[in-house]
Amino acid sequence: MTTVAGIQELSRVKFEGTRNAIVVAVSVSVGVLPMSFPALFAHASGPLRLVLESGIFLGAITAVLLNLVLNRGAADAAPADEQAVVVH
């Protein structure tokens, strides 16, 4: 259900003229890291380990940070009737 909801949400995102495709691609790639390479974060401990071993946490944090950095000012630059839908 989570995957379906995510796909539905992404179908409403404006990709043309924005950097949203990069945000989505990098976030999904980072979110897959704990499953693909479990040894990558094996040495982390405590609360940091909880975040690093969860693909959902990593993907969400990556999406928020990249959206803030890459799409800064994108909504201001878009015409009022065509506001860019940013990934959240």
Protein backbone atom coordinates (compact mmCIF):
# COMPACT_ATOMS: atom_id res chain seq x y z
CA MET A 1 0.00 0.00 0.00
CA THR A 2 2.84 2.39 0.78
CA THR A 3 4.40 1.81 -2.61
CA VAL A 4 1.11 2.38 -4.41
CA ALA A 5 0.49 5.60 -2.47
CA GLY A 6 3.99 6.78 -3.34
CA ILE A 7 3.53 6.04 -7.04
CA GLN A 8 0.20 7.87 -7.04
CA GLU A 9 1.81 10.88 -5.38
CA LEU A 10 4.68 10.88 -7.89
CA SER A 11 2.21 10.86 -10.78
CA ARG A 12 1.09 14.34 -9.68
CA VAL A 13 4.60 15.80 -9.47
CA LYS A 14 5.78 18.22 -12.15
CA PHE A 15 9.08 16.91 -13.50
CA GLU A 16 9.57 19.18 -16.52
CA GLY A 17 11.46 22.37 -15.79
CA THR A 18 12.28 21.29 -12.23
CA ARG A 19 14.91 19.18 -10.55
CA ASN A 20 12.31 16.81 -9.09
CA ALA A 21 13.50 13.86 -11.20
CA ILE A 22 16.94 14.11 -9.59
CA VAL A 23 15.38 14.36 -6.13
CA VAL A 24 13.28 11.23 -6.72
CA ALA A 25 16.07 9.21 -8.36
CA VAL A 26 18.68 9.95 -5.70
CA SER A 27 16.22 9.48 -2.82
CA VAL A 28 15.04 6.08 -4.07
CA SER A 29 18.65 5.01 -4.68
CA VAL A 30 19.72 6.04 -1.18
CA GLY A 31 16.63 4.36 0.28
CA VAL A 32 17.63 1.05 -1.30
CA LEU A 33 21.17 1.12 0.16
CA PRO A 34 20.37 -0.60 3.50
CA MET A 35 18.85 -3.58 1.68
CA SER A 36 21.46 -3.71 -1.08
CA PHE A 37 24.55 -3.27 1.10
CA PRO A 38 23.69 -4.10 4.73
CA ALA A 39 27.37 -4.07 5.70
CA LEU A 40 27.61 -0.41 4.67
CA PHE A 41 26.08 0.79 7.93
CA ALA A 42 26.93 -2.22 10.12
CA HIS A 43 29.35 -0.23 12.28
CA ALA A 44 26.84 2.49 13.19
CA SER A 45 25.45 2.37 16.72
CA GLY A 46 22.66 3.84 18.79
CA PRO A 47 20.02 6.12 17.30
CA LEU A 48 22.17 6.70 14.22
CA ARG A 49 21.97 2.99 13.43
CA LEU A 50 18.16 3.13 13.57
CA VAL A 51 18.12 5.85 10.92
CA LEU A 52 20.86 4.38 8.73
CA GLU A 53 19.37 0.89 8.62
CA SER A 54 15.96 2.13 7.51
CA GLY A 55 15.55 2.75 3.81
CA ILE A 56 12.40 4.75 4.47
CA PHE A 57 14.20 7.11 6.84
CA LEU A 58 17.18 7.51 4.53
CA GLY A 59 15.03 8.06 1.45
CA ALA A 60 12.76 10.55 3.21
CA ILE A 61 15.63 12.54 4.72
CA THR A 62 17.41 12.58 1.36
CA ALA A 63 14.26 13.74 -0.45
CA VAL A 64 13.62 16.57 2.00
CA LEU A 65 17.22 17.80 1.96
CA LEU A 66 17.58 17.59 -1.82
CA ASN A 67 14.22 19.28 -2.32
CA LEU A 68 15.29 22.15 -0.08
CA VAL A 69 18.66 22.53 -1.81
CA LEU A 70 17.81 21.85 -5.45
CA ASN A 71 14.34 23.36 -5.68
CA ARG A 72 15.07 26.49 -3.66
CA GLY A 73 13.24 29.33 -5.36
CA ALA A 74 11.54 27.06 -7.92
CA ALA A 75 8.07 27.93 -6.63
CA ASP A 76 8.93 31.64 -6.64
CA ALA A 77 10.20 31.48 -10.23
CA ALA A 78 7.11 29.66 -11.57
CA PRO A 79 4.12 31.68 -12.79
CA ALA A 80 1.33 31.98 -10.22
CA ASP A 81 -1.04 29.76 -12.21
CA GLU A 82 1.58 27.06 -12.78
CA GLN A 83 3.23 26.64 -9.40
CA ALA A 84 5.80 23.83 -9.46
CA VAL A 85 4.70 20.84 -7.44
CA VAL A 86 7.70 19.89 -5.35
CA VAL A 87 8.30 16.46 -3.88
CA HIS A 88 7.61 16.25 -0.17
